[in-house]
Amino acid sequence: MIMIKKLIVLTLMLSSSGNLLSQNTVCIWDGMDVRHGKQVTLMPFLADDNPDGTAVIVCPGGSYFWLDDVNEGEEVAEWFQNKGISAFVLRYRAAGFGAFFWHHRRIFHGKQHPDMLEDAQQAIKFVKEHYADYNIDPDRLGIVGFSAGGHLALMTACFSNTTENRPAFVGAIYPVVTMNGPYAHERSRRALLGERRQNDQMMRDSLSMEKHIPDDCPPVFVINCLDDETVNYQNSVLLDTALSEKNIEHKYIQYKTGDHGFGVSEVFGTKESRNWKNEFIKWLKEIHI
C-alpha cells in the first residue's frame, strides 16, 4: 500500500511539473555558476489591484524530495493573486525521485542543504531587486511555505544575513520544524541533509528551527491540525513555544481536523482547516507590515 501511494504521488508530480513552464517563468540563477541552478525558477502571479504592494514567495511542500507545484504552488499563488496580493511560486532545488528511490547521494552530491535555502534567499533578493517591474513594495515581501516548504520559509527568516534576503513576514502552513526526536519528519530530514549527514547530530540541531529563532525574527503565522498524519502536530507546538520565548510577534492556530497537504483547496482538508486562508489575510492586516 505504501509503494502504491508513492507511485501515485510520483505520477501526480510528473503530470504537474510542466505547468510552470511558461513565458513568465524566470530563472533566478541565470548567468551564475550554481549547481543545478537552471532548474530553479520563479513564476509570478501579479495582482491587478495591489495598492500596498504586498507580495509573497510561495514554497510548495514535498518532503524536500519533490515539489507539490499545483496544490501548494500555483493554486496558492492564484488565490493570493485574487486577493490582491502578488505571489511568486518558487521551484527550489529538491532531492528528486532518484534520490528518494535509489539513495544515490551516498555517492553523488545531488541536491541537498544548503541548496534549498540558497534558492529561497536568492528568490527574495531577486524579487526585491525587480520590485519596480513587479509593482510591489520590497519591504512588504514575505514568504509562505507548506510542510517542508514551511521549514524552508522558516530557515529563510531565521538565517537571513542581509536585508536583501530577509522576508517581511512568514507563513508556516502545517510545517516541518524539528529535525530531532520523535516528532521529526524523517523523509524531509533525509532529503534535506542527504544520506551521509542525516544522522549527524550537529547537522540535525543546526536545522531544527525551534533552536534558531533570532531576536529579530519577522512576524510568523503558523497553522496545523491535530490529526495530521504526515507531520506530527508537535512540530508547530515546538515552534510556537520557541517564538513565545523570544517574544516574537506571531499567531498560532491549531485546528482539530484537516490532516495535511490541503493547501488552499476547497475540497481537501476540512471546513475548519480551510479557514486558515481568511485568518492569514486578517493577520496580515493586523501586523501592519
Protein backbone atom coordinates (compact mmCIF):
# COMPACT_ATOMS: atom_id res chain seq x y z
CA MET A 1 0.00 0.00 0.00
CA ILE A 2 2.83 2.41 0.83
CA MET A 3 4.51 1.77 -2.51
CA ILE A 4 1.21 2.35 -4.34
CA LYS A 5 0.85 5.72 -2.61
CA LYS A 6 4.40 6.61 -3.60
CA LEU A 7 3.70 5.76 -7.22
CA ILE A 8 0.51 7.83 -7.17
CA VAL A 9 2.44 10.82 -5.80
CA LEU A 10 5.12 10.32 -8.44
CA THR A 11 2.54 10.28 -11.23
CA LEU A 12 0.83 13.43 -9.95
CA MET A 13 4.09 15.31 -9.55
CA LEU A 14 5.31 14.42 -13.03
CA SER A 15 1.99 15.33 -14.62
CA SER A 16 2.00 18.74 -12.94
CA SER A 17 5.65 19.65 -13.40
CA GLY A 18 5.12 21.14 -16.83
CA ASN A 19 2.52 23.64 -15.71
CA LEU A 20 5.11 26.11 -14.51
CA LEU A 21 6.97 26.23 -17.81
CA SER A 22 5.65 29.42 -19.30
CA GLN A 23 7.00 32.64 -20.74
CA ASN A 24 6.52 34.32 -17.35
CA THR A 25 8.81 31.94 -15.51
CA VAL A 26 12.26 33.31 -14.72
CA CYS A 27 15.46 31.55 -13.74
CA ILE A 28 16.74 33.32 -10.64
CA TRP A 29 20.29 31.97 -11.03
CA ASP A 30 20.57 32.97 -14.67
CA GLY A 31 24.15 33.82 -15.59
CA MET A 32 25.56 32.44 -12.31
CA ASP A 33 27.57 29.27 -11.83
CA VAL A 34 25.26 27.38 -9.48
CA ARG A 35 24.95 23.60 -9.41
CA HIS A 36 21.55 22.69 -10.92
CA GLY A 37 20.75 26.40 -10.88
CA LYS A 38 18.95 26.29 -14.23
CA GLN A 39 16.25 24.16 -12.59
CA VAL A 40 15.40 26.88 -10.07
CA THR A 41 12.58 29.07 -11.33
CA LEU A 42 10.19 31.71 -10.09
CA MET A 43 6.72 32.12 -11.59
CA PRO A 44 4.92 35.42 -10.95
CA PHE A 45 1.19 35.75 -10.32
CA LEU A 46 0.80 39.52 -10.22
CA ALA A 47 -2.30 41.07 -8.71
CA ASP A 48 -4.05 43.68 -10.86
CA ASP A 49 -5.12 45.67 -7.82
CA ASN A 50 -2.39 45.68 -5.17
CA PRO A 51 -2.40 49.17 -3.63
CA ASP A 52 0.00 48.47 -0.77
CA GLY A 53 2.39 46.28 -2.78
CA THR A 54 2.23 43.22 -0.52
CA ALA A 55 3.74 40.11 -2.11
CA VAL A 56 4.69 36.56 -1.15
CA ILE A 57 7.16 33.93 -2.25
CA VAL A 58 5.32 30.59 -2.23
CA CYS A 59 7.33 27.48 -1.30
CA PRO A 60 5.49 24.23 -2.11
CA GLY A 61 5.95 21.21 0.10
CA GLY A 62 7.04 17.75 -0.92
CA SER A 63 9.35 16.46 1.81
CA TYR A 64 12.32 18.20 0.15
CA PHE A 65 12.28 15.32 -2.36
CA TRP A 66 9.74 16.75 -4.82
CA LEU A 67 7.51 19.80 -5.11
CA ASP A 68 3.73 19.90 -5.00
CA ASP A 69 3.73 22.59 -7.67
CA VAL A 70 -0.03 22.74 -8.17
CA ASN A 71 -1.83 22.17 -4.87
CA GLU A 72 0.74 24.04 -2.78
CA GLY A 73 2.13 26.21 -5.55
CA GLU A 74 0.14 27.53 -8.47
CA GLU A 75 -3.25 27.26 -6.77
CA VAL A 76 -1.92 29.08 -3.71
CA ALA A 77 -0.42 31.84 -5.85
CA GLU A 78 -3.64 32.25 -7.80
CA TRP A 79 -5.59 32.53 -4.56
CA PHE A 80 -3.27 35.27 -3.29
CA GLN A 81 -3.46 37.00 -6.66
CA ASN A 82 -7.25 37.06 -6.48
CA LYS A 83 -6.97 38.57 -3.00
CA GLY A 84 -4.86 41.46 -4.27
CA ILE A 85 -1.52 40.04 -3.18
CA SER A 86 1.14 39.34 -5.80
CA ALA A 87 2.68 35.90 -5.48
CA PHE A 88 5.71 34.08 -6.86
CA VAL A 89 5.91 30.28 -6.94
CA LEU A 90 9.45 29.12 -6.22
CA ARG A 91 10.66 25.87 -7.75
CA TYR A 92 13.62 25.34 -5.47
CA ARG A 93 16.08 22.52 -5.73
CA ALA A 94 14.70 19.30 -4.26
CA ALA A 95 16.50 15.98 -3.89
CA GLY A 96 14.40 14.31 -6.58
CA PHE A 97 12.73 10.98 -7.13
CA GLY A 98 16.01 9.30 -7.95
CA ALA A 99 17.39 10.20 -4.54
CA PHE A 100 14.16 9.02 -2.92
CA PHE A 101 14.14 5.59 -4.53
CA TRP A 102 17.82 4.81 -5.11
CA HIS A 103 19.71 6.74 -2.41
CA HIS A 104 22.36 7.73 -4.94
CA ARG A 105 23.51 10.64 -2.79
CA ARG A 106 25.55 8.16 -0.79
CA ILE A 107 27.97 8.51 -3.71
CA PHE A 108 26.97 11.66 -5.60
CA HIS A 109 26.29 15.04 -4.02
CA GLY A 110 22.96 15.55 -5.75
CA LYS A 111 20.73 18.27 -4.29
CA GLN A 112 20.70 18.84 -0.55
CA HIS A 113 21.20 21.53 2.09
CA PRO A 114 22.13 24.36 1.67
CA ASP A 115 20.80 24.33 -1.92
CA MET A 116 17.19 24.90 -0.91
CA LEU A 117 17.97 27.72 1.49
CA GLU A 118 20.17 29.47 -1.07
CA ASP A 119 17.33 29.26 -3.60
CA ALA A 120 14.82 30.83 -1.23
CA GLN A 121 17.22 33.60 -0.25
CA GLN A 122 18.02 34.30 -3.89
CA ALA A 123 14.30 34.38 -4.72
CA ILE A 124 13.70 37.10 -2.14
CA LYS A 125 16.72 39.04 -3.34
CA PHE A 126 15.63 38.70 -6.98
CA VAL A 127 12.09 39.94 -6.38
CA LYS A 128 13.32 42.85 -4.27
CA GLU A 129 15.77 43.85 -6.99
CA HIS A 130 12.93 43.81 -9.56
CA TYR A 131 10.27 45.33 -7.31
CA ALA A 132 9.51 48.12 -9.78
CA ASP A 133 8.94 45.65 -12.63
CA TYR A 134 6.53 43.68 -10.45
CA ASN A 135 4.89 46.73 -8.88
CA ILE A 136 5.42 45.50 -5.34
CA ASP A 137 6.80 47.01 -2.14
CA PRO A 138 10.13 45.29 -1.30
CA ASP A 139 9.50 45.99 2.39
CA ARG A 140 6.23 44.05 2.22
CA LEU A 141 7.59 40.89 0.63
CA GLY A 142 7.01 37.79 2.73
CA ILE A 143 7.39 34.05 2.29
CA VAL A 144 4.78 31.33 2.75
CA GLY A 145 5.62 27.64 2.81
CA PHE A 146 3.78 24.37 3.17
CA SER A 147 5.07 21.30 5.03
CA ALA A 148 8.77 21.05 4.10
CA GLY A 149 8.27 24.37 2.32
CA GLY A 150 7.24 25.74 5.70
CA HIS A 151 10.58 24.64 7.10
CA LEU A 152 12.28 26.37 4.19
CA ALA A 153 10.33 29.57 4.83
CA LEU A 154 11.38 29.48 8.47
CA MET A 155 15.02 28.90 7.55
CA THR A 156 14.86 31.87 5.22
CA ALA A 157 13.62 34.10 8.02
CA CYS A 158 15.91 32.76 10.73
CA PHE A 159 19.10 32.56 8.68
CA SER A 160 18.77 35.74 6.61
CA ASN A 161 22.10 37.54 6.69
CA THR A 162 21.15 40.77 4.90
CA THR A 163 18.06 42.88 4.40
CA GLU A 164 18.22 41.83 0.76
CA ASN A 165 17.20 38.25 1.54
CA ARG A 166 15.12 38.83 4.65
CA PRO A 167 11.34 38.35 4.35
CA ALA A 168 8.95 40.82 5.97
CA PHE A 169 6.75 38.01 7.34
CA VAL A 170 6.47 34.24 7.30
CA GLY A 171 3.57 31.87 6.80
CA ALA A 172 4.34 28.34 8.00
CA ILE A 173 1.45 26.08 6.99
CA TYR A 174 1.48 22.64 8.67
CA PRO A 175 5.28 22.99 8.71
CA VAL A 176 8.15 20.64 9.30
CA VAL A 177 10.08 22.30 12.14
CA THR A 178 12.39 19.96 14.02
CA MET A 179 15.00 17.50 12.77
CA ASN A 180 15.32 15.87 16.17
CA GLY A 181 13.44 13.38 18.32
CA PRO A 182 10.17 11.53 17.79
CA TYR A 183 8.44 14.45 16.07
CA ALA A 184 10.96 14.80 13.24
CA HIS A 185 9.65 14.14 9.73
CA GLU A 186 12.25 11.58 8.73
CA ARG A 187 11.65 11.76 4.98
CA SER A 188 12.21 15.52 4.93
CA ARG A 189 15.27 15.13 7.10
CA ARG A 190 16.83 12.57 4.75
CA ALA A 191 16.07 14.69 1.70
CA LEU A 192 17.42 17.88 3.25
CA LEU A 193 20.57 16.51 4.84
CA GLY A 194 21.37 13.65 2.47
CA GLU A 195 22.17 10.05 3.30
CA ARG A 196 25.60 10.80 4.71
CA ARG A 197 24.56 13.65 7.03
CA GLN A 198 21.08 12.69 8.15
CA ASN A 199 22.40 11.01 11.31
CA ASP A 200 24.84 13.79 12.16
CA GLN A 201 23.52 15.26 15.41
CA MET A 202 25.21 18.60 14.85
CA MET A 203 23.52 18.93 11.46
CA ARG A 204 20.15 17.92 12.91
CA ASP A 205 20.50 20.56 15.61
CA SER A 206 21.58 23.20 13.12
CA LEU A 207 18.40 22.78 11.07
CA SER A 208 15.88 22.28 13.89
CA MET A 209 14.17 25.62 13.61
CA GLU A 210 12.87 25.73 17.16
CA LYS A 211 16.53 26.13 18.20
CA HIS A 212 17.32 29.05 15.91
CA ILE A 213 14.71 31.75 16.33
CA PRO A 214 16.59 35.06 16.19
CA ASP A 215 15.72 38.01 18.38
CA ASP A 216 14.74 39.99 15.28
CA CYS A 217 12.70 37.25 13.62
CA PRO A 218 9.96 38.71 11.37
CA PRO A 219 6.32 38.03 12.31
CA VAL A 220 5.24 34.42 11.84
CA PHE A 221 1.85 32.87 11.11
CA VAL A 222 1.56 29.14 11.91
CA ILE A 223 -1.26 26.64 11.47
CA ASN A 224 -1.54 22.89 11.68
CA CYS A 225 -4.02 20.13 12.52
CA LEU A 226 -4.08 17.76 15.44
CA ASP A 227 -4.97 14.88 13.12
CA ASP A 228 -2.01 15.49 10.80
CA GLU A 229 -0.78 12.01 9.85
CA THR A 230 2.22 13.24 7.86
CA VAL A 231 3.98 15.85 10.02
CA ASN A 232 3.36 15.45 13.74
CA TYR A 233 1.45 18.46 15.09
CA GLN A 234 4.05 18.83 17.84
CA ASN A 235 6.34 20.43 15.26
CA SER A 236 4.18 23.54 15.34
CA VAL A 237 3.89 23.38 19.12
CA LEU A 238 7.69 23.47 19.36
CA LEU A 239 7.75 26.44 17.02
CA ASP A 240 5.04 28.29 18.93
CA THR A 241 6.93 27.77 22.19
CA ALA A 242 10.20 28.98 20.71
CA LEU A 243 8.58 32.08 19.22
CA SER A 244 6.83 32.85 22.51
CA GLU A 245 10.07 32.52 24.48
CA LYS A 246 11.70 35.05 22.16
CA ASN A 247 8.66 37.36 22.28
CA ILE A 248 8.36 37.22 18.51
CA GLU A 249 5.13 38.54 17.06
CA HIS A 250 3.24 35.53 15.78
CA LYS A 251 -0.08 33.78 15.55
CA TYR A 252 -0.55 30.05 16.03
CA ILE A 253 -3.82 28.36 15.11
CA GLN A 254 -4.25 24.70 15.92
CA TYR A 255 -7.15 23.01 14.15
CA LYS A 256 -8.63 19.75 15.34
CA THR A 257 -9.17 18.34 11.87
CA GLY A 258 -7.78 18.79 8.38
CA ASP A 259 -4.83 16.39 8.24
CA HIS A 260 -2.11 17.58 5.84
CA GLY A 261 -1.47 18.87 2.34
CA PHE A 262 -4.72 20.73 1.68
CA GLY A 263 -3.13 23.97 0.50
CA VAL A 264 -5.87 26.44 -0.45
CA SER A 265 -8.21 23.71 -1.68
CA GLU A 266 -11.95 24.00 -1.11
CA VAL A 267 -12.17 20.20 -1.28
CA PHE A 268 -9.25 18.78 0.71
CA GLY A 269 -8.85 19.33 4.42
CA THR A 270 -11.96 20.21 6.42
CA LYS A 271 -14.22 23.23 6.69
CA GLU A 272 -12.39 24.07 9.89
CA SER A 273 -8.86 23.92 8.46
CA ARG A 274 -9.73 25.59 5.16
CA ASN A 275 -10.44 28.77 7.10
CA TRP A 276 -6.69 29.33 7.54
CA LYS A 277 -6.63 31.41 4.37
CA ASN A 278 -9.02 34.01 5.74
CA GLU A 279 -7.19 34.04 9.06
CA PHE A 280 -3.92 34.68 7.26
CA ILE A 281 -5.29 37.68 5.35
CA LYS A 282 -6.76 39.03 8.58
CA TRP A 283 -3.41 38.58 10.31
CA LEU A 284 -1.53 40.43 7.57
CA LYS A 285 -3.74 43.44 8.18
CA GLU A 286 -3.16 43.19 11.93
CA ILE A 287 0.63 43.16 11.84
CA HIS A 288 0.81 46.38 9.79
CA ILE A 289 3.95 45.44 7.91
